[in-house]
């Protein structure tokens, strides 16, 4: 009787990525939103342009065969951190993400750079999304924008419960790109902490957007946890099979864009080539 609370929490967690995506080694394509209102890159083109761009990219990704989508404020740079994300940007992201959720029949996730935490969960609830990417669930790191940031597990898990949103799964980064770890927090420690604080899946990435981690890092992560592992950056049609030896799936953006340039629109032919390599690996 005394362990019922633990059984309930463990029952909320994904046992495998196939449970959500319906396939082994699922691929989550990135829907990079145009700069949102308030961001330096925003040029007053309005929400319709933002939604239209998001839906075109989503359609190209789905046509190319991806298994899920993630809607991200990729171009709201330089990025705010955590709860400093301004309301004009988070509400615009929620509106655009809701349009994507309504347009597709695959699981959709939300990411807010850097480490939105509660903001990301709030957008997911408003949009009806299935999962979120949390950049720093545990530990402490310094972001490329200069802030020393820390994990948000305590507030995030309480926020999710209070919103009645425990069905929204948490995919959490370890050794996150665009940042460096506080001294003493190595990969093994970060994985142990992140798994302990109820992440559904762990994400391994390179140093920056579009950069792949060393294969040895992914292999080591696989040895350190039984949780599902996702590639968080750097996979291409040429290397994805190599990484999927150890990872259980991948989140991919840059490699699926026209000419492999992150700022460009999604290229459906590049998506198809990437998914052909994934199918061979499966």
C-alpha atoms as a PDB file:
ATOM      1  CA  UNK A   1       0.000   0.000   0.000  1.00  0.00           C
ATOM      2  CA  UNK A   2       2.820   2.404   0.852  1.00  0.00           C
ATOM      3  CA  UNK A   3       4.352   2.115  -2.647  1.00  0.00           C
ATOM      4  CA  UNK A   4       1.205   2.943  -4.591  1.00  0.00           C
ATOM      5  CA  UNK A   5       2.415   6.506  -5.209  1.00  0.00           C
ATOM      6  CA  UNK A   6       5.602   5.189  -6.818  1.00  0.00           C
ATOM      7  CA  UNK A   7       3.710   2.674  -8.924  1.00  0.00           C
ATOM      8  CA  UNK A   8       1.471   5.497 -10.171  1.00  0.00           C
ATOM      9  CA  UNK A   9       4.413   7.715 -11.130  1.00  0.00           C
ATOM     10  CA  UNK A  10       6.224   4.867 -12.863  1.00  0.00           C
ATOM     11  CA  UNK A  11       3.005   4.020 -14.702  1.00  0.00           C
ATOM     12  CA  UNK A  12       2.974   7.495 -16.265  1.00  0.00           C
ATOM     13  CA  UNK A  13       6.339   6.972 -17.957  1.00  0.00           C
ATOM     14  CA  UNK A  14       6.811   5.664 -21.486  1.00  0.00           C
ATOM     15  CA  UNK A  15       8.114   2.128 -21.619  1.00  0.00           C
ATOM     16  CA  UNK A  16       9.357   2.657 -25.164  1.00  0.00           C
ATOM     17  CA  UNK A  17       9.093   5.245 -27.939  1.00  0.00           C
ATOM     18  CA  UNK A  18       7.037   2.771 -29.970  1.00  0.00           C
ATOM     19  CA  UNK A  19       4.309   3.178 -27.346  1.00  0.00           C
ATOM     20  CA  UNK A  20       3.825   6.788 -28.503  1.00  0.00           C
ATOM     21  CA  UNK A  21       4.909   6.738 -32.164  1.00  0.00           C
ATOM     22  CA  UNK A  22       3.831   3.249 -33.230  1.00  0.00           C
ATOM     23  CA  UNK A  23       7.181   2.332 -34.805  1.00  0.00           C
ATOM     24  CA  UNK A  24      10.654   1.308 -33.732  1.00  0.00           C
ATOM     25  CA  UNK A  25      13.306   4.026 -34.019  1.00  0.00           C
ATOM     26  CA  UNK A  26      10.841   6.921 -34.610  1.00  0.00           C
ATOM     27  CA  UNK A  27      11.966  10.108 -36.335  1.00  0.00           C
ATOM     28  CA  UNK A  28      10.684  13.465 -35.069  1.00  0.00           C
ATOM     29  CA  UNK A  29      10.899  16.254 -37.641  1.00  0.00           C
ATOM     30  CA  UNK A  30      11.418  19.838 -36.505  1.00  0.00           C
ATOM     31  CA  UNK A  31       8.935  22.571 -37.349  1.00  0.00           C
ATOM     32  CA  UNK A  32      11.101  25.665 -36.868  1.00  0.00           C
ATOM     33  CA  UNK A  33       8.791  28.649 -36.502  1.00  0.00           C
ATOM     34  CA  UNK A  34       9.630  31.972 -38.104  1.00  0.00           C
ATOM     35  CA  UNK A  35      10.798  34.630 -35.617  1.00  0.00           C
ATOM     36  CA  UNK A  36       7.844  35.300 -33.340  1.00  0.00           C
ATOM     37  CA  UNK A  37       6.458  38.710 -32.271  1.00  0.00           C
ATOM     38  CA  UNK A  38       8.995  40.462 -30.088  1.00  0.00           C
ATOM     39  CA  UNK A  39      12.053  38.605 -31.443  1.00  0.00           C
ATOM     40  CA  UNK A  40      14.726  40.665 -33.273  1.00  0.00           C
ATOM     41  CA  UNK A  41      14.084  38.722 -36.492  1.00  0.00           C
ATOM     42  CA  UNK A  42      10.332  39.376 -36.498  1.00  0.00           C
ATOM     43  CA  UNK A  43       9.387  41.762 -39.324  1.00  0.00           C
ATOM     44  CA  UNK A  44       5.698  42.366 -38.545  1.00  0.00           C
ATOM     45  CA  UNK A  45       4.429  39.779 -41.024  1.00  0.00           C
ATOM     46  CA  UNK A  46       1.733  38.604 -38.609  1.00  0.00           C
ATOM     47  CA  UNK A  47       0.523  35.269 -37.312  1.00  0.00           C
ATOM     48  CA  UNK A  48      -0.935  34.070 -40.599  1.00  0.00           C
ATOM     49  CA  UNK A  49       2.513  34.046 -42.197  1.00  0.00           C
ATOM     50  CA  UNK A  50       3.940  32.194 -39.181  1.00  0.00           C
ATOM     51  CA  UNK A  51       1.183  29.578 -39.279  1.00  0.00           C
ATOM     52  CA  UNK A  52       1.364  29.143 -43.066  1.00  0.00           C
ATOM     53  CA  UNK A  53       5.117  28.572 -42.917  1.00  0.00           C
ATOM     54  CA  UNK A  54       4.727  26.072 -40.067  1.00  0.00           C
ATOM     55  CA  UNK A  55       2.005  24.136 -41.900  1.00  0.00           C
ATOM     56  CA  UNK A  56       4.028  23.950 -45.121  1.00  0.00           C
ATOM     57  CA  UNK A  57       7.009  22.527 -43.250  1.00  0.00           C
ATOM     58  CA  UNK A  58       4.769  20.128 -41.328  1.00  0.00           C
ATOM     59  CA  UNK A  59       3.170  18.894 -44.551  1.00  0.00           C
ATOM     60  CA  UNK A  60       6.578  18.337 -46.180  1.00  0.00           C
ATOM     61  CA  UNK A  61       7.833  16.400 -43.158  1.00  0.00           C
ATOM     62  CA  UNK A  62       4.740  14.193 -43.030  1.00  0.00           C
ATOM     63  CA  UNK A  63       4.825  13.639 -46.809  1.00  0.00           C
ATOM     64  CA  UNK A  64       8.442  12.581 -46.474  1.00  0.00           C
ATOM     65  CA  UNK A  65       7.545   9.963 -43.876  1.00  0.00           C
ATOM     66  CA  UNK A  66       8.541  11.221 -40.404  1.00  0.00           C
ATOM     67  CA  UNK A  67       6.800   9.686 -37.391  1.00  0.00           C
ATOM     68  CA  UNK A  68       6.274  12.801 -35.263  1.00  0.00           C
ATOM     69  CA  UNK A  69       6.793  16.561 -35.198  1.00  0.00           C
ATOM     70  CA  UNK A  70       8.173  19.104 -32.761  1.00  0.00           C
ATOM     71  CA  UNK A  71       7.274  22.793 -32.906  1.00  0.00           C
ATOM     72  CA  UNK A  72      10.094  25.072 -31.758  1.00  0.00           C
ATOM     73  CA  UNK A  73      10.846  28.803 -31.485  1.00  0.00           C
ATOM     74  CA  UNK A  74      14.150  28.226 -33.260  1.00  0.00           C
ATOM     75  CA  UNK A  75      14.559  31.747 -34.598  1.00  0.00           C
ATOM     76  CA  UNK A  76      13.717  33.758 -31.476  1.00  0.00           C
ATOM     77  CA  UNK A  77      17.416  34.365 -31.014  1.00  0.00           C
ATOM     78  CA  UNK A  78      19.207  35.557 -28.949  1.00  0.00           C
ATOM     79  CA  UNK A  79      17.291  33.270 -26.621  1.00  0.00           C
ATOM     80  CA  UNK A  80      15.719  33.993 -23.276  1.00  0.00           C
ATOM     81  CA  UNK A  81      16.134  31.410 -20.519  1.00  0.00           C
ATOM     82  CA  UNK A  82      13.412  29.619 -18.545  1.00  0.00           C
ATOM     83  CA  UNK A  83      10.600  31.772 -17.216  1.00  0.00           C
ATOM     84  CA  UNK A  84      12.085  34.885 -18.850  1.00  0.00           C
ATOM     85  CA  UNK A  85      10.496  33.871 -22.194  1.00  0.00           C
ATOM     86  CA  UNK A  86       8.151  36.838 -22.878  1.00  0.00           C
ATOM     87  CA  UNK A  87       4.377  36.391 -23.150  1.00  0.00           C
ATOM     88  CA  UNK A  88       4.155  37.661 -26.728  1.00  0.00           C
ATOM     89  CA  UNK A  89       6.479  34.886 -27.890  1.00  0.00           C
ATOM     90  CA  UNK A  90       5.010  32.036 -25.841  1.00  0.00           C
ATOM     91  CA  UNK A  91       1.423  32.853 -26.831  1.00  0.00           C
ATOM     92  CA  UNK A  92       2.358  33.091 -30.515  1.00  0.00           C
ATOM     93  CA  UNK A  93       4.094  29.722 -30.295  1.00  0.00           C
ATOM     94  CA  UNK A  94       1.001  28.191 -28.698  1.00  0.00           C
ATOM     95  CA  UNK A  95      -1.239  29.498 -31.492  1.00  0.00           C
ATOM     96  CA  UNK A  96       1.079  28.181 -34.218  1.00  0.00           C
ATOM     97  CA  UNK A  97       1.557  24.834 -32.466  1.00  0.00           C
ATOM     98  CA  UNK A  98      -2.191  24.359 -32.126  1.00  0.00           C
ATOM     99  CA  UNK A  99      -2.558  24.824 -35.884  1.00  0.00           C
ATOM    100  CA  UNK A 100       0.063  22.122 -36.484  1.00  0.00           C
ATOM    101  CA  UNK A 101      -1.571  19.712 -34.005  1.00  0.00           C
ATOM    102  CA  UNK A 102      -4.913  20.126 -35.761  1.00  0.00           C
ATOM    103  CA  UNK A 103      -3.369  19.550 -39.211  1.00  0.00           C
ATOM    104  CA  UNK A 104      -1.530  16.252 -38.619  1.00  0.00           C
ATOM    105  CA  UNK A 105      -2.189  12.741 -37.341  1.00  0.00           C
ATOM    106  CA  UNK A 106       1.177  12.089 -35.671  1.00  0.00           C
ATOM    107  CA  UNK A 107       2.369  12.937 -32.151  1.00  0.00           C
ATOM    108  CA  UNK A 108       3.463  16.559 -31.778  1.00  0.00           C
ATOM    109  CA  UNK A 109       5.889  17.965 -29.233  1.00  0.00           C
ATOM    110  CA  UNK A 110       6.935  21.429 -28.061  1.00  0.00           C
ATOM    111  CA  UNK A 111      10.360  22.895 -27.369  1.00  0.00           C
ATOM    112  CA  UNK A 112      11.106  26.394 -26.083  1.00  0.00           C
ATOM    113  CA  UNK A 113      14.717  27.546 -26.286  1.00  0.00           C
ATOM    114  CA  UNK A 114      16.406  27.889 -23.789  1.00  0.00           C
ATOM    115  CA  UNK A 115      14.899  25.529 -21.225  1.00  0.00           C
ATOM    116  CA  UNK A 116      11.316  26.797 -21.205  1.00  0.00           C
ATOM    117  CA  UNK A 117      10.205  24.312 -18.525  1.00  0.00           C
ATOM    118  CA  UNK A 118       6.857  25.585 -17.276  1.00  0.00           C
ATOM    119  CA  UNK A 119       6.483  27.743 -20.387  1.00  0.00           C
ATOM    120  CA  UNK A 120       6.943  24.695 -22.609  1.00  0.00           C
ATOM    121  CA  UNK A 121       4.403  22.681 -20.638  1.00  0.00           C
ATOM    122  CA  UNK A 122       1.883  25.532 -20.760  1.00  0.00           C
ATOM    123  CA  UNK A 123       2.231  25.759 -24.553  1.00  0.00           C
ATOM    124  CA  UNK A 124       1.827  21.984 -24.853  1.00  0.00           C
ATOM    125  CA  UNK A 125      -1.418  22.093 -22.863  1.00  0.00           C
ATOM    126  CA  UNK A 126      -2.783  25.020 -24.882  1.00  0.00           C
ATOM    127  CA  UNK A 127      -1.830  23.367 -28.184  1.00  0.00           C
ATOM    128  CA  UNK A 128      -2.924  19.832 -27.276  1.00  0.00           C
ATOM    129  CA  UNK A 129       0.604  18.479 -27.799  1.00  0.00           C
ATOM    130  CA  UNK A 130       1.768  15.032 -26.698  1.00  0.00           C
ATOM    131  CA  UNK A 131       5.260  15.667 -25.349  1.00  0.00           C
ATOM    132  CA  UNK A 132       7.804  18.351 -24.581  1.00  0.00           C
ATOM    133  CA  UNK A 133      11.564  18.662 -24.905  1.00  0.00           C
ATOM    134  CA  UNK A 134      13.144  19.983 -21.725  1.00  0.00           C
ATOM    135  CA  UNK A 135      16.659  21.268 -22.245  1.00  0.00           C
ATOM    136  CA  UNK A 136      17.728  21.097 -18.600  1.00  0.00           C
ATOM    137  CA  UNK A 137      15.536  18.982 -16.331  1.00  0.00           C
ATOM    138  CA  UNK A 138      18.335  18.486 -13.794  1.00  0.00           C
ATOM    139  CA  UNK A 139      21.847  19.722 -13.100  1.00  0.00           C
ATOM    140  CA  UNK A 140      23.358  23.107 -13.952  1.00  0.00           C
ATOM    141  CA  UNK A 141      24.881  24.556 -17.127  1.00  0.00           C
ATOM    142  CA  UNK A 142      26.011  27.828 -18.676  1.00  0.00           C
ATOM    143  CA  UNK A 143      24.147  28.758 -21.857  1.00  0.00           C
ATOM    144  CA  UNK A 144      25.733  30.306 -24.942  1.00  0.00           C
ATOM    145  CA  UNK A 145      23.856  33.487 -24.022  1.00  0.00           C
ATOM    146  CA  UNK A 146      25.802  33.649 -20.733  1.00  0.00           C
ATOM    147  CA  UNK A 147      23.260  32.632 -18.114  1.00  0.00           C
ATOM    148  CA  UNK A 148      24.015  30.041 -15.460  1.00  0.00           C
ATOM    149  CA  UNK A 149      20.857  27.894 -15.479  1.00  0.00           C
ATOM    150  CA  UNK A 150      19.644  24.986 -13.395  1.00  0.00           C
ATOM    151  CA  UNK A 151      17.218  22.098 -13.670  1.00  0.00           C
ATOM    152  CA  UNK A 152      13.484  22.676 -13.471  1.00  0.00           C
ATOM    153  CA  UNK A 153      12.241  19.207 -12.469  1.00  0.00           C
ATOM    154  CA  UNK A 154      10.599  20.204  -9.181  1.00  0.00           C
ATOM    155  CA  UNK A 155       8.472  23.009 -10.585  1.00  0.00           C
ATOM    156  CA  UNK A 156       7.825  21.309 -13.929  1.00  0.00           C
ATOM    157  CA  UNK A 157       6.477  18.044 -12.523  1.00  0.00           C
ATOM    158  CA  UNK A 158       4.241  19.917 -10.072  1.00  0.00           C
ATOM    159  CA  UNK A 159       3.095  22.276 -12.842  1.00  0.00           C
ATOM    160  CA  UNK A 160       2.205  19.320 -15.078  1.00  0.00           C
ATOM    161  CA  UNK A 161       0.172  17.667 -12.319  1.00  0.00           C
ATOM    162  CA  UNK A 162      -1.633  20.894 -11.378  1.00  0.00           C
ATOM    163  CA  UNK A 163      -2.582  21.463 -15.015  1.00  0.00           C
ATOM    164  CA  UNK A 164      -4.062  17.958 -15.243  1.00  0.00           C
ATOM    165  CA  UNK A 165      -1.516  17.224 -17.974  1.00  0.00           C
ATOM    166  CA  UNK A 166       0.308  14.113 -16.772  1.00  0.00           C
ATOM    167  CA  UNK A 167      -0.337  12.566 -20.196  1.00  0.00           C
ATOM    168  CA  UNK A 168       2.238  15.011 -21.652  1.00  0.00           C
ATOM    169  CA  UNK A 169       5.549  13.144 -21.752  1.00  0.00           C
ATOM    170  CA  UNK A 170       8.922  14.681 -20.905  1.00  0.00           C
ATOM    171  CA  UNK A 171      11.894  14.163 -23.231  1.00  0.00           C
ATOM    172  CA  UNK A 172      14.937  15.631 -21.475  1.00  0.00           C
ATOM    173  CA  UNK A 173      18.385  16.532 -22.756  1.00  0.00           C
ATOM    174  CA  UNK A 174      21.588  15.346 -21.140  1.00  0.00           C
ATOM    175  CA  UNK A 175      24.800  17.266 -21.843  1.00  0.00           C
ATOM    176  CA  UNK A 176      22.735  19.768 -23.831  1.00  0.00           C
ATOM    177  CA  UNK A 177      23.964  21.562 -26.955  1.00  0.00           C
ATOM    178  CA  UNK A 178      24.460  25.369 -26.822  1.00  0.00           C
ATOM    179  CA  UNK A 179      25.784  25.014 -23.261  1.00  0.00           C
ATOM    180  CA  UNK A 180      28.554  23.666 -21.058  1.00  0.00           C
ATOM    181  CA  UNK A 181      28.109  21.720 -17.840  1.00  0.00           C
ATOM    182  CA  UNK A 182      28.795  23.049 -14.377  1.00  0.00           C
ATOM    183  CA  UNK A 183      32.111  21.502 -13.255  1.00  0.00           C
ATOM    184  CA  UNK A 184      31.711  17.979 -11.910  1.00  0.00           C
ATOM    185  CA  UNK A 185      28.559  17.084 -13.849  1.00  0.00           C
ATOM    186  CA  UNK A 186      29.668  14.476 -16.349  1.00  0.00           C
ATOM    187  CA  UNK A 187      27.467  12.505 -18.750  1.00  0.00           C
ATOM    188  CA  UNK A 188      26.951   9.614 -16.339  1.00  0.00           C
ATOM    189  CA  UNK A 189      25.897  11.927 -13.513  1.00  0.00           C
ATOM    190  CA  UNK A 190      23.535  13.930 -15.713  1.00  0.00           C
ATOM    191  CA  UNK A 191      21.889  10.774 -17.023  1.00  0.00           C
ATOM    192  CA  UNK A 192      21.485   9.346 -13.524  1.00  0.00           C
ATOM    193  CA  UNK A 193      19.887  12.531 -12.206  1.00  0.00           C
ATOM    194  CA  UNK A 194      17.630  13.030 -15.232  1.00  0.00           C
ATOM    195  CA  UNK A 195      16.383   9.447 -15.146  1.00  0.00           C
ATOM    196  CA  UNK A 196      15.757   9.679 -11.381  1.00  0.00           C
ATOM    197  CA  UNK A 197      13.593  12.769 -11.848  1.00  0.00           C
ATOM    198  CA  UNK A 198      11.121  10.979 -14.100  1.00  0.00           C
ATOM    199  CA  UNK A 199      12.132  11.812 -17.668  1.00  0.00           C
ATOM    200  CA  UNK A 200      10.357   9.588 -20.200  1.00  0.00           C
ATOM    201  CA  UNK A 201      13.245   9.674 -22.679  1.00  0.00           C
ATOM    202  CA  UNK A 202      16.753  11.138 -22.783  1.00  0.00           C
ATOM    203  CA  UNK A 203      18.184  13.257 -25.611  1.00  0.00           C
ATOM    204  CA  UNK A 204      21.852  13.272 -26.642  1.00  0.00           C
ATOM    205  CA  UNK A 205      23.170  16.051 -28.893  1.00  0.00           C
ATOM    206  CA  UNK A 206      26.322  17.685 -30.232  1.00  0.00           C
ATOM    207  CA  UNK A 207      27.717  21.097 -29.307  1.00  0.00           C
ATOM    208  CA  UNK A 208      25.438  23.257 -31.485  1.00  0.00           C
ATOM    209  CA  UNK A 209      22.372  22.984 -33.729  1.00  0.00           C
ATOM    210  CA  UNK A 210      23.129  20.707 -36.673  1.00  0.00           C
ATOM    211  CA  UNK A 211      26.291  19.282 -35.077  1.00  0.00           C
ATOM    212  CA  UNK A 212      26.452  15.570 -34.347  1.00  0.00           C
ATOM    213  CA  UNK A 213      27.854  14.196 -31.102  1.00  0.00           C
ATOM    214  CA  UNK A 214      30.659  11.685 -31.154  1.00  0.00           C
ATOM    215  CA  UNK A 215      29.320   8.182 -31.712  1.00  0.00           C
ATOM    216  CA  UNK A 216      31.139   7.089 -28.552  1.00  0.00           C
ATOM    217  CA  UNK A 217      29.036   9.528 -26.510  1.00  0.00           C
ATOM    218  CA  UNK A 218      25.821   7.925 -27.760  1.00  0.00           C
ATOM    219  CA  UNK A 219      27.185   4.437 -27.164  1.00  0.00           C
ATOM    220  CA  UNK A 220      28.170   5.436 -23.631  1.00  0.00           C
ATOM    221  CA  UNK A 221      24.708   6.895 -22.963  1.00  0.00           C
ATOM    222  CA  UNK A 222      23.166   3.609 -24.106  1.00  0.00           C
ATOM    223  CA  UNK A 223      25.295   1.763 -21.561  1.00  0.00           C
ATOM    224  CA  UNK A 224      24.271   4.109 -18.755  1.00  0.00           C
ATOM    225  CA  UNK A 225      20.469   3.936 -19.021  1.00  0.00           C
ATOM    226  CA  UNK A 226      17.581   1.688 -19.925  1.00  0.00           C
ATOM    227  CA  UNK A 227      15.416   4.710 -20.778  1.00  0.00           C
ATOM    228  CA  UNK A 228      14.737   5.467 -24.459  1.00  0.00           C
ATOM    229  CA  UNK A 229      17.456   7.606 -26.046  1.00  0.00           C
ATOM    230  CA  UNK A 230      16.889  10.099 -28.857  1.00  0.00           C
ATOM    231  CA  UNK A 231      19.470  11.811 -31.032  1.00  0.00           C
ATOM    232  CA  UNK A 232      19.034  15.545 -30.536  1.00  0.00           C
ATOM    233  CA  UNK A 233      21.176  16.972 -33.343  1.00  0.00           C
ATOM    234  CA  UNK A 234      23.449  16.199 -36.242  1.00  0.00           C
ATOM    235  CA  UNK A 235      21.914  13.152 -37.884  1.00  0.00           C
ATOM    236  CA  UNK A 236      21.864  13.004 -41.682  1.00  0.00           C
ATOM    237  CA  UNK A 237      20.897  10.465 -44.307  1.00  0.00           C
ATOM    238  CA  UNK A 238      24.556   9.453 -44.374  1.00  0.00           C
ATOM    239  CA  UNK A 239      25.091   8.879 -40.633  1.00  0.00           C
ATOM    240  CA  UNK A 240      21.683   8.147 -39.101  1.00  0.00           C
ATOM    241  CA  UNK A 241      22.015   4.359 -39.406  1.00  0.00           C
ATOM    242  CA  UNK A 242      25.279   4.521 -37.474  1.00  0.00           C
ATOM    243  CA  UNK A 243      23.684   6.442 -34.600  1.00  0.00           C
ATOM    244  CA  UNK A 244      20.568   4.264 -34.548  1.00  0.00           C
ATOM    245  CA  UNK A 245      22.754   1.335 -33.549  1.00  0.00           C
ATOM    246  CA  UNK A 246      22.557   2.826 -30.045  1.00  0.00           C
ATOM    247  CA  UNK A 247      19.787   5.444 -30.097  1.00  0.00           C
ATOM    248  CA  UNK A 248      16.080   4.588 -30.110  1.00  0.00           C
ATOM    249  CA  UNK A 249      15.131   7.410 -32.471  1.00  0.00           C
ATOM    250  CA  UNK A 250      16.094  10.894 -33.599  1.00  0.00           C
ATOM    251  CA  UNK A 251      14.968  14.507 -33.608  1.00  0.00           C
ATOM    252  CA  UNK A 252      16.070  16.099 -36.885  1.00  0.00           C
ATOM    253  CA  UNK A 253      15.838  19.561 -38.403  1.00  0.00           C
ATOM    254  CA  UNK A 254      18.804  20.968 -40.342  1.00  0.00           C
ATOM    255  CA  UNK A 255      19.453  17.873 -42.480  1.00  0.00           C
ATOM    256  CA  UNK A 256      15.896  18.008 -43.848  1.00  0.00           C
ATOM    257  CA  UNK A 257      16.037  21.629 -45.014  1.00  0.00           C
ATOM    258  CA  UNK A 258      16.726  22.887 -48.538  1.00  0.00           C
ATOM    259  CA  UNK A 259      20.496  22.586 -49.120  1.00  0.00           C
ATOM    260  CA  UNK A 260      20.888  21.414 -45.514  1.00  0.00           C
ATOM    261  CA  UNK A 261      20.647  25.026 -44.265  1.00  0.00           C
ATOM    262  CA  UNK A 262      18.709  25.420 -41.011  1.00  0.00           C
ATOM    263  CA  UNK A 263      17.052  28.714 -41.981  1.00  0.00           C
ATOM    264  CA  UNK A 264      15.524  27.232 -45.150  1.00  0.00           C
ATOM    265  CA  UNK A 265      12.201  25.484 -45.653  1.00  0.00           C
ATOM    266  CA  UNK A 266      11.859  21.712 -45.366  1.00  0.00           C
ATOM    267  CA  UNK A 267      12.816  19.839 -48.546  1.00  0.00           C
ATOM    268  CA  UNK A 268      10.505  16.836 -48.954  1.00  0.00           C
ATOM    269  CA  UNK A 269      13.033  15.006 -51.137  1.00  0.00           C
ATOM    270  CA  UNK A 270      15.684  15.299 -48.436  1.00  0.00           C
ATOM    271  CA  UNK A 271      13.139  13.978 -45.922  1.00  0.00           C
ATOM    272  CA  UNK A 272      12.463  10.962 -48.138  1.00  0.00           C
ATOM    273  CA  UNK A 273      16.179  10.197 -48.520  1.00  0.00           C
ATOM    274  CA  UNK A 274      16.672  10.456 -44.774  1.00  0.00           C
ATOM    275  CA  UNK A 275      13.718   8.162 -44.066  1.00  0.00           C
ATOM    276  CA  UNK A 276      14.992   5.617 -46.607  1.00  0.00           C
ATOM    277  CA  UNK A 277      18.201   5.412 -44.565  1.00  0.00           C
ATOM    278  CA  UNK A 278      16.160   5.058 -41.371  1.00  0.00           C
ATOM    279  CA  UNK A 279      14.063   2.246 -42.856  1.00  0.00           C
ATOM    280  CA  UNK A 280      17.225   0.384 -43.800  1.00  0.00           C
ATOM    281  CA  UNK A 281      18.496   0.788 -40.224  1.00  0.00           C
ATOM    282  CA  UNK A 282      15.225  -0.421 -38.739  1.00  0.00           C
END
